[in-house]
Amino acid sequence: MSDASAYWAENKRLIVGCLIVWFIVSYGFGILLVDQMNKISIAGYDLGFWFAQQGSMYIFVALIFFYVVKMNKLDRKYNVHEE
């Protein structure tokens, strides 16, 4: 496998991992598990409601930073980083 193929394989693996987390957070926690999560209350708000409204956004922002850090490492590993 060439360096370019290995680079893109790792990049796609990272993207798929982030998309899986994104799906679980938005669809799983925000829709499917909302009733179970609503049994827990934080600061007077049901956890399911809070997570669907606020928590998922925090996770999405964290995913962006995670992706940036991992891609910078990947770029340096394959020497395609910006100077």
PDB file of N, CA and C in Angstrom:
ATOM      1  N   MET A   1       0.851  -1.180   0.000  1.00  0.00           N
ATOM      2  CA  MET A   1       0.000   0.000   0.000  1.00  0.00           C
ATOM      3  C   MET A   1       0.892   1.236   0.000  1.00  0.00           C
ATOM      4  N   SER A   2       0.592   2.154  -0.889  1.00  0.00           N
ATOM      5  CA  SER A   2       1.387   3.378  -0.967  1.00  0.00           C
ATOM      6  C   SER A   2       1.056   4.301   0.211  1.00  0.00           C
ATOM      7  N   ASP A   3       1.914   5.304   0.383  1.00  0.00           N
ATOM      8  CA  ASP A   3       1.684   6.265   1.463  1.00  0.00           C
ATOM      9  C   ASP A   3       0.362   7.001   1.282  1.00  0.00           C
ATOM     10  N   ALA A   4       0.031   7.353   0.036  1.00  0.00           N
ATOM     11  CA  ALA A   4      -1.222   8.072  -0.222  1.00  0.00           C
ATOM     12  C   ALA A   4      -2.419   7.193   0.123  1.00  0.00           C
ATOM     13  N   SER A   5      -2.350   5.923  -0.245  1.00  0.00           N
ATOM     14  CA  SER A   5      -3.453   5.007   0.069  1.00  0.00           C
ATOM     15  C   SER A   5      -3.579   4.787   1.568  1.00  0.00           C
ATOM     16  N   ALA A   6      -2.461   4.656   2.250  1.00  0.00           N
ATOM     17  CA  ALA A   6      -2.482   4.469   3.698  1.00  0.00           C
ATOM     18  C   ALA A   6      -3.017   5.717   4.396  1.00  0.00           C
ATOM     19  N   TYR A   7      -2.611   6.884   3.895  1.00  0.00           N
ATOM     20  CA  TYR A   7      -3.090   8.153   4.455  1.00  0.00           C
ATOM     21  C   TYR A   7      -4.611   8.237   4.350  1.00  0.00           C
ATOM     22  N   TRP A   8      -5.145   7.972   3.150  1.00  0.00           N
ATOM     23  CA  TRP A   8      -6.582   8.083   2.952  1.00  0.00           C
ATOM     24  C   TRP A   8      -7.347   6.992   3.688  1.00  0.00           C
ATOM     25  N   ALA A   9      -6.758   5.834   3.834  1.00  0.00           N
ATOM     26  CA  ALA A   9      -7.410   4.774   4.601  1.00  0.00           C
ATOM     27  C   ALA A   9      -7.557   5.193   6.066  1.00  0.00           C
ATOM     28  N   GLU A  10      -6.508   5.770   6.630  1.00  0.00           N
ATOM     29  CA  GLU A  10      -6.585   6.240   8.016  1.00  0.00           C
ATOM     30  C   GLU A  10      -7.530   7.424   8.143  1.00  0.00           C
ATOM     31  N   ASN A  11      -7.519   8.307   7.151  1.00  0.00           N
ATOM     32  CA  ASN A  11      -8.419   9.456   7.155  1.00  0.00           C
ATOM     33  C   ASN A  11      -9.875   8.991   7.112  1.00  0.00           C
ATOM     34  N   LYS A  12     -10.180   8.049   6.236  1.00  0.00           N
ATOM     35  CA  LYS A  12     -11.557   7.533   6.145  1.00  0.00           C
ATOM     36  C   LYS A  12     -11.972   6.829   7.424  1.00  0.00           C
ATOM     37  N   ARG A  13     -11.057   6.106   8.042  1.00  0.00           N
ATOM     38  CA  ARG A  13     -11.364   5.428   9.300  1.00  0.00           C
ATOM     39  C   ARG A  13     -11.711   6.447  10.389  1.00  0.00           C
ATOM     40  N   LEU A  14     -10.968   7.538  10.428  1.00  0.00           N
ATOM     41  CA  LEU A  14     -11.227   8.604  11.391  1.00  0.00           C
ATOM     42  C   LEU A  14     -12.587   9.265  11.128  1.00  0.00           C
ATOM     43  N   ILE A  15     -12.886   9.529   9.873  1.00  0.00           N
ATOM     44  CA  ILE A  15     -14.164  10.141   9.510  1.00  0.00           C
ATOM     45  C   ILE A  15     -15.324   9.222   9.872  1.00  0.00           C
ATOM     46  N   VAL A  16     -15.202   7.942   9.569  1.00  0.00           N
ATOM     47  CA  VAL A  16     -16.266   6.991   9.894  1.00  0.00           C
ATOM     48  C   VAL A  16     -16.472   6.919  11.405  1.00  0.00           C
ATOM     49  N   GLY A  17     -15.400   6.914  12.162  1.00  0.00           N
ATOM     50  CA  GLY A  17     -15.505   6.904  13.620  1.00  0.00           C
ATOM     51  C   GLY A  17     -16.232   8.127  14.142  1.00  0.00           C
ATOM     52  N   CYS A  18     -15.892   9.300  13.607  1.00  0.00           N
ATOM     53  CA  CYS A  18     -16.571  10.542  14.025  1.00  0.00           C
ATOM     54  C   CYS A  18     -18.044  10.514  13.630  1.00  0.00           C
ATOM     55  N   LEU A  19     -18.350   9.999  12.444  1.00  0.00           N
ATOM     56  CA  LEU A  19     -19.741   9.921  12.016  1.00  0.00           C
ATOM     57  C   LEU A  19     -20.552   8.953  12.870  1.00  0.00           C
ATOM     58  N   ILE A  20     -19.934   7.877  13.308  1.00  0.00           N
ATOM     59  CA  ILE A  20     -20.625   6.933  14.189  1.00  0.00           C
ATOM     60  C   ILE A  20     -20.967   7.603  15.516  1.00  0.00           C
ATOM     61  N   VAL A  21     -20.008   8.322  16.081  1.00  0.00           N
ATOM     62  CA  VAL A  21     -20.273   9.046  17.332  1.00  0.00           C
ATOM     63  C   VAL A  21     -21.363  10.078  17.095  1.00  0.00           C
ATOM     64  N   TRP A  22     -21.292  10.798  16.008  1.00  0.00           N
ATOM     65  CA  TRP A  22     -22.290  11.811  15.670  1.00  0.00           C
ATOM     66  C   TRP A  22     -23.677  11.180  15.572  1.00  0.00           C
ATOM     67  N   PHE A  23     -23.792  10.032  14.911  1.00  0.00           N
ATOM     68  CA  PHE A  23     -25.075   9.341  14.768  1.00  0.00           C
ATOM     69  C   PHE A  23     -25.609   8.890  16.123  1.00  0.00           C
ATOM     70  N   ILE A  24     -24.750   8.287  16.927  1.00  0.00           N
ATOM     71  CA  ILE A  24     -25.185   7.806  18.244  1.00  0.00           C
ATOM     72  C   ILE A  24     -25.675   8.966  19.102  1.00  0.00           C
ATOM     73  N   VAL A  25     -24.939  10.061  19.083  1.00  0.00           N
ATOM     74  CA  VAL A  25     -25.309  11.221  19.900  1.00  0.00           C
ATOM     75  C   VAL A  25     -26.609  11.840  19.408  1.00  0.00           C
ATOM     76  N   SER A  26     -26.715  12.091  18.114  1.00  0.00           N
ATOM     77  CA  SER A  26     -27.887  12.813  17.608  1.00  0.00           C
ATOM     78  C   SER A  26     -29.125  11.922  17.532  1.00  0.00           C
ATOM     79  N   TYR A  27     -29.000  10.758  16.973  1.00  0.00           N
ATOM     80  CA  TYR A  27     -30.163   9.897  16.789  1.00  0.00           C
ATOM     81  C   TYR A  27     -30.409   9.012  18.009  1.00  0.00           C
ATOM     82  N   GLY A  28     -29.358   8.404  18.522  1.00  0.00           N
ATOM     83  CA  GLY A  28     -29.512   7.494  19.653  1.00  0.00           C
ATOM     84  C   GLY A  28     -29.931   8.201  20.922  1.00  0.00           C
ATOM     85  N   PHE A  29     -29.122   9.161  21.368  1.00  0.00           N
ATOM     86  CA  PHE A  29     -29.429   9.865  22.614  1.00  0.00           C
ATOM     87  C   PHE A  29     -30.552  10.877  22.438  1.00  0.00           C
ATOM     88  N   GLY A  30     -30.607  11.533  21.286  1.00  0.00           N
ATOM     89  CA  GLY A  30     -31.597  12.582  21.075  1.00  0.00           C
ATOM     90  C   GLY A  30     -32.989  12.083  20.759  1.00  0.00           C
ATOM     91  N   ILE A  31     -33.103  10.855  20.226  1.00  0.00           N
ATOM     92  CA  ILE A  31     -34.419  10.351  19.814  1.00  0.00           C
ATOM     93  C   ILE A  31     -34.745   9.009  20.465  1.00  0.00           C
ATOM     94  N   LEU A  32     -33.884   8.012  20.276  1.00  0.00           N
ATOM     95  CA  LEU A  32     -34.213   6.660  20.720  1.00  0.00           C
ATOM     96  C   LEU A  32     -34.179   6.477  22.233  1.00  0.00           C
ATOM     97  N   LEU A  33     -33.201   7.053  22.894  1.00  0.00           N
ATOM     98  CA  LEU A  33     -33.028   6.821  24.331  1.00  0.00           C
ATOM     99  C   LEU A  33     -33.534   7.971  25.194  1.00  0.00           C
ATOM    100  N   VAL A  34     -34.300   8.876  24.598  1.00  0.00           N
ATOM    101  CA  VAL A  34     -34.723  10.069  25.336  1.00  0.00           C
ATOM    102  C   VAL A  34     -35.589   9.709  26.543  1.00  0.00           C
ATOM    103  N   ASP A  35     -36.452   8.724  26.435  1.00  0.00           N
ATOM    104  CA  ASP A  35     -37.319   8.358  27.565  1.00  0.00           C
ATOM    105  C   ASP A  35     -36.513   7.819  28.741  1.00  0.00           C
ATOM    106  N   GLN A  36     -35.518   6.976  28.461  1.00  0.00           N
ATOM    107  CA  GLN A  36     -34.675   6.450  29.523  1.00  0.00           C
ATOM    108  C   GLN A  36     -33.823   7.553  30.141  1.00  0.00           C
ATOM    109  N   MET A  37     -33.339   8.462  29.313  1.00  0.00           N
ATOM    110  CA  MET A  37     -32.490   9.537  29.816  1.00  0.00           C
ATOM    111  C   MET A  37     -33.291  10.569  30.604  1.00  0.00           C
ATOM    112  N   ASN A  38     -34.575  10.709  30.295  1.00  0.00           N
ATOM    113  CA  ASN A  38     -35.411  11.673  31.004  1.00  0.00           C
ATOM    114  C   ASN A  38     -35.674  11.268  32.451  1.00  0.00           C
ATOM    115  N   LYS A  39     -35.353  10.049  32.809  1.00  0.00           N
ATOM    116  CA  LYS A  39     -35.501   9.604  34.199  1.00  0.00           C
ATOM    117  C   LYS A  39     -34.433  10.218  35.094  1.00  0.00           C
ATOM    118  N   ILE A  40     -33.405  10.796  34.484  1.00  0.00           N
ATOM    119  CA  ILE A  40     -32.315  11.449  35.211  1.00  0.00           C
ATOM    120  C   ILE A  40     -32.499  12.955  35.070  1.00  0.00           C
ATOM    121  N   SER A  41     -32.373  13.660  36.169  1.00  0.00           N
ATOM    122  CA  SER A  41     -32.548  15.111  36.149  1.00  0.00           C
ATOM    123  C   SER A  41     -31.250  15.787  36.575  1.00  0.00           C
ATOM    124  N   ILE A  42     -30.862  16.811  35.814  1.00  0.00           N
ATOM    125  CA  ILE A  42     -29.672  17.593  36.135  1.00  0.00           C
ATOM    126  C   ILE A  42     -30.080  19.061  36.168  1.00  0.00           C
ATOM    127  N   ALA A  43     -29.873  19.698  37.293  1.00  0.00           N
ATOM    128  CA  ALA A  43     -30.199  21.116  37.486  1.00  0.00           C
ATOM    129  C   ALA A  43     -31.651  21.422  37.120  1.00  0.00           C
ATOM    130  N   GLY A  44     -32.537  20.482  37.407  1.00  0.00           N
ATOM    131  CA  GLY A  44     -33.956  20.695  37.158  1.00  0.00           C
ATOM    132  C   GLY A  44     -34.414  20.356  35.755  1.00  0.00           C
ATOM    133  N   TYR A  45     -33.523  19.922  34.897  1.00  0.00           N
ATOM    134  CA  TYR A  45     -33.881  19.573  33.525  1.00  0.00           C
ATOM    135  C   TYR A  45     -33.710  18.072  33.322  1.00  0.00           C
ATOM    136  N   ASP A  46     -34.644  17.484  32.588  1.00  0.00           N
ATOM    137  CA  ASP A  46     -34.504  16.070  32.253  1.00  0.00           C
ATOM    138  C   ASP A  46     -33.293  15.897  31.341  1.00  0.00           C
ATOM    139  N   LEU A  47     -32.510  14.866  31.600  1.00  0.00           N
ATOM    140  CA  LEU A  47     -31.272  14.664  30.856  1.00  0.00           C
ATOM    141  C   LEU A  47     -31.537  14.453  29.359  1.00  0.00           C
ATOM    142  N   GLY A  48     -32.596  13.741  29.018  1.00  0.00           N
ATOM    143  CA  GLY A  48     -32.913  13.522  27.605  1.00  0.00           C
ATOM    144  C   GLY A  48     -33.182  14.815  26.876  1.00  0.00           C
ATOM    145  N   PHE A  49     -33.985  15.687  27.495  1.00  0.00           N
ATOM    146  CA  PHE A  49     -34.277  16.993  26.897  1.00  0.00           C
ATOM    147  C   PHE A  49     -33.000  17.825  26.800  1.00  0.00           C
ATOM    148  N   TRP A  50     -32.250  17.877  27.895  1.00  0.00           N
ATOM    149  CA  TRP A  50     -31.028  18.680  27.897  1.00  0.00           C
ATOM    150  C   TRP A  50     -30.053  18.178  26.844  1.00  0.00           C
ATOM    151  N   PHE A  51     -29.899  16.860  26.758  1.00  0.00           N
ATOM    152  CA  PHE A  51     -28.932  16.302  25.814  1.00  0.00           C
ATOM    153  C   PHE A  51     -29.360  16.572  24.383  1.00  0.00           C
ATOM    154  N   ALA A  52     -30.651  16.450  24.097  1.00  0.00           N
ATOM    155  CA  ALA A  52     -31.131  16.713  22.741  1.00  0.00           C
ATOM    156  C   ALA A  52     -30.960  18.180  22.371  1.00  0.00           C
ATOM    157  N   GLN A  53     -31.075  19.075  23.351  1.00  0.00           N
ATOM    158  CA  GLN A  53     -31.011  20.500  23.062  1.00  0.00           C
ATOM    159  C   GLN A  53     -29.598  21.081  23.179  1.00  0.00           C
ATOM    160  N   GLN A  54     -28.851  20.681  24.201  1.00  0.00           N
ATOM    161  CA  GLN A  54     -27.554  21.301  24.469  1.00  0.00           C
ATOM    162  C   GLN A  54     -26.388  20.316  24.391  1.00  0.00           C
ATOM    163  N   GLY A  55     -26.544  19.181  25.002  1.00  0.00           N
ATOM    164  CA  GLY A  55     -25.443  18.231  25.122  1.00  0.00           C
ATOM    165  C   GLY A  55     -24.897  17.764  23.793  1.00  0.00           C
ATOM    166  N   SER A  56     -25.792  17.548  22.832  1.00  0.00           N
ATOM    167  CA  SER A  56     -25.331  17.096  21.523  1.00  0.00           C
ATOM    168  C   SER A  56     -24.462  18.148  20.848  1.00  0.00           C
ATOM    169  N   MET A  57     -24.769  19.425  21.059  1.00  0.00           N
ATOM    170  CA  MET A  57     -23.938  20.479  20.466  1.00  0.00           C
ATOM    171  C   MET A  57     -22.533  20.471  21.067  1.00  0.00           C
ATOM    172  N   TYR A  58     -22.438  20.250  22.375  1.00  0.00           N
ATOM    173  CA  TYR A  58     -21.120  20.169  23.006  1.00  0.00           C
ATOM    174  C   TYR A  58     -20.319  19.000  22.439  1.00  0.00           C
ATOM    175  N   ILE A  59     -20.978  17.880  22.233  1.00  0.00           N
ATOM    176  CA  ILE A  59     -20.307  16.710  21.656  1.00  0.00           C
ATOM    177  C   ILE A  59     -19.852  17.018  20.234  1.00  0.00           C
ATOM    178  N   PHE A  60     -20.682  17.672  19.446  1.00  0.00           N
ATOM    179  CA  PHE A  60     -20.312  17.996  18.074  1.00  0.00           C
ATOM    180  C   PHE A  60     -19.098  18.918  18.020  1.00  0.00           C
ATOM    181  N   VAL A  61     -19.057  19.921  18.884  1.00  0.00           N
ATOM    182  CA  VAL A  61     -17.906  20.824  18.936  1.00  0.00           C
ATOM    183  C   VAL A  61     -16.661  20.054  19.377  1.00  0.00           C
ATOM    184  N   ALA A  62     -16.822  19.170  20.364  1.00  0.00           N
ATOM    185  CA  ALA A  62     -15.695  18.338  20.812  1.00  0.00           C
ATOM    186  C   ALA A  62     -15.203  17.448  19.669  1.00  0.00           C
ATOM    187  N   LEU A  63     -16.121  16.925  18.852  1.00  0.00           N
ATOM    188  CA  LEU A  63     -15.727  16.110  17.694  1.00  0.00           C
ATOM    189  C   LEU A  63     -14.906  16.916  16.698  1.00  0.00           C
ATOM    190  N   ILE A  64     -15.249  18.164  16.506  1.00  0.00           N
ATOM    191  CA  ILE A  64     -14.485  19.021  15.588  1.00  0.00           C
ATOM    192  C   ILE A  64     -13.052  19.166  16.083  1.00  0.00           C
ATOM    193  N   PHE A  65     -12.897  19.489  17.359  1.00  0.00           N
ATOM    194  CA  PHE A  65     -11.547  19.634  17.909  1.00  0.00           C
ATOM    195  C   PHE A  65     -10.782  18.319  17.876  1.00  0.00           C
ATOM    196  N   PHE A  66     -11.456  17.214  18.186  1.00  0.00           N
ATOM    197  CA  PHE A  66     -10.842  15.885  18.132  1.00  0.00           C
ATOM    198  C   PHE A  66     -10.342  15.601  16.714  1.00  0.00           C
ATOM    199  N   TYR A  67     -11.184  15.876  15.721  1.00  0.00           N
ATOM    200  CA  TYR A  67     -10.818  15.625  14.329  1.00  0.00           C
ATOM    201  C   TYR A  67      -9.614  16.468  13.917  1.00  0.00           C
ATOM    202  N   VAL A  68      -9.591  17.721  14.305  1.00  0.00           N
ATOM    203  CA  VAL A  68      -8.473  18.609  13.963  1.00  0.00           C
ATOM    204  C   VAL A  68      -7.164  18.083  14.548  1.00  0.00           C
ATOM    205  N   VAL A  69      -7.199  17.703  15.818  1.00  0.00           N
ATOM    206  CA  VAL A  69      -5.982  17.198  16.474  1.00  0.00           C
ATOM    207  C   VAL A  69      -5.513  15.916  15.795  1.00  0.00           C
ATOM    208  N   LYS A  70      -6.435  14.985  15.552  1.00  0.00           N
ATOM    209  CA  LYS A  70      -6.051  13.709  14.932  1.00  0.00           C
ATOM    210  C   LYS A  70      -5.557  13.906  13.497  1.00  0.00           C
ATOM    211  N   MET A  71      -6.178  14.817  12.747  1.00  0.00           N
ATOM    212  CA  MET A  71      -5.733  15.053  11.372  1.00  0.00           C
ATOM    213  C   MET A  71      -4.375  15.739  11.335  1.00  0.00           C
ATOM    214  N   ASN A  72      -4.104  16.630  12.273  1.00  0.00           N
ATOM    215  CA  ASN A  72      -2.777  17.244  12.328  1.00  0.00           C
ATOM    216  C   ASN A  72      -1.703  16.192  12.578  1.00  0.00           C
ATOM    217  N   LYS A  73      -1.982  15.248  13.475  1.00  0.00           N
ATOM    218  CA  LYS A  73      -1.036  14.157  13.731  1.00  0.00           C
ATOM    219  C   LYS A  73      -0.878  13.280  12.501  1.00  0.00           C
ATOM    220  N   LEU A  74      -1.985  12.988  11.841  1.00  0.00           N
ATOM    221  CA  LEU A  74      -1.943  12.157  10.640  1.00  0.00           C
ATOM    222  C   LEU A  74      -1.180  12.862   9.515  1.00  0.00           C
ATOM    223  N   ASP A  75      -1.402  14.151   9.359  1.00  0.00           N
ATOM    224  CA  ASP A  75      -0.678  14.912   8.334  1.00  0.00           C
ATOM    225  C   ASP A  75       0.830  14.897   8.588  1.00  0.00           C
ATOM    226  N   ARG A  76       1.208  15.051   9.852  1.00  0.00           N
ATOM    227  CA  ARG A  76       2.646  15.018  10.173  1.00  0.00           C
ATOM    228  C   ARG A  76       3.222  13.610   9.937  1.00  0.00           C
ATOM    229  N   LYS A  77       2.445  12.589  10.273  1.00  0.00           N
ATOM    230  CA  LYS A  77       2.910  11.210  10.100  1.00  0.00           C
ATOM    231  C   LYS A  77       3.236  10.933   8.635  1.00  0.00           C
ATOM    232  N   TYR A  78       2.410  11.441   7.721  1.00  0.00           N
ATOM    233  CA  TYR A  78       2.617  11.194   6.304  1.00  0.00           C
ATOM    234  C   TYR A  78       3.279  12.374   5.594  1.00  0.00           C
ATOM    235  N   ASN A  79       3.751  13.344   6.362  1.00  0.00           N
ATOM    236  CA  ASN A  79       4.487  14.495   5.851  1.00  0.00           C
ATOM    237  C   ASN A  79       3.678  15.265   4.791  1.00  0.00           C
ATOM    238  N   VAL A  80       2.428  15.528   5.098  1.00  0.00           N
ATOM    239  CA  VAL A  80       1.588  16.348   4.211  1.00  0.00           C
ATOM    240  C   VAL A  80       1.054  17.552   4.968  1.00  0.00           C
ATOM    241  N   HIS A  81       1.679  17.868   6.088  1.00  0.00           N
ATOM    242  CA  HIS A  81       1.214  18.988   6.913  1.00  0.00           C
ATOM    243  C   HIS A  81       1.614  20.322   6.296  1.00  0.00           C
ATOM    244  N   GLU A  82       0.886  21.348   6.724  1.00  0.00           N
ATOM    245  CA  GLU A  82       1.176  22.696   6.244  1.00  0.00           C
ATOM    246  C   GLU A  82       2.282  23.299   7.103  1.00  0.00           C
ATOM    247  N   GLU A  83       3.075  24.087   6.498  1.00  0.00           N
ATOM    248  CA  GLU A  83       4.193  24.729   7.216  1.00  0.00           C
ATOM    249  C   GLU A  83       3.730  25.959   7.921  1.00  0.00           C
TER     250      GLU A  83
END
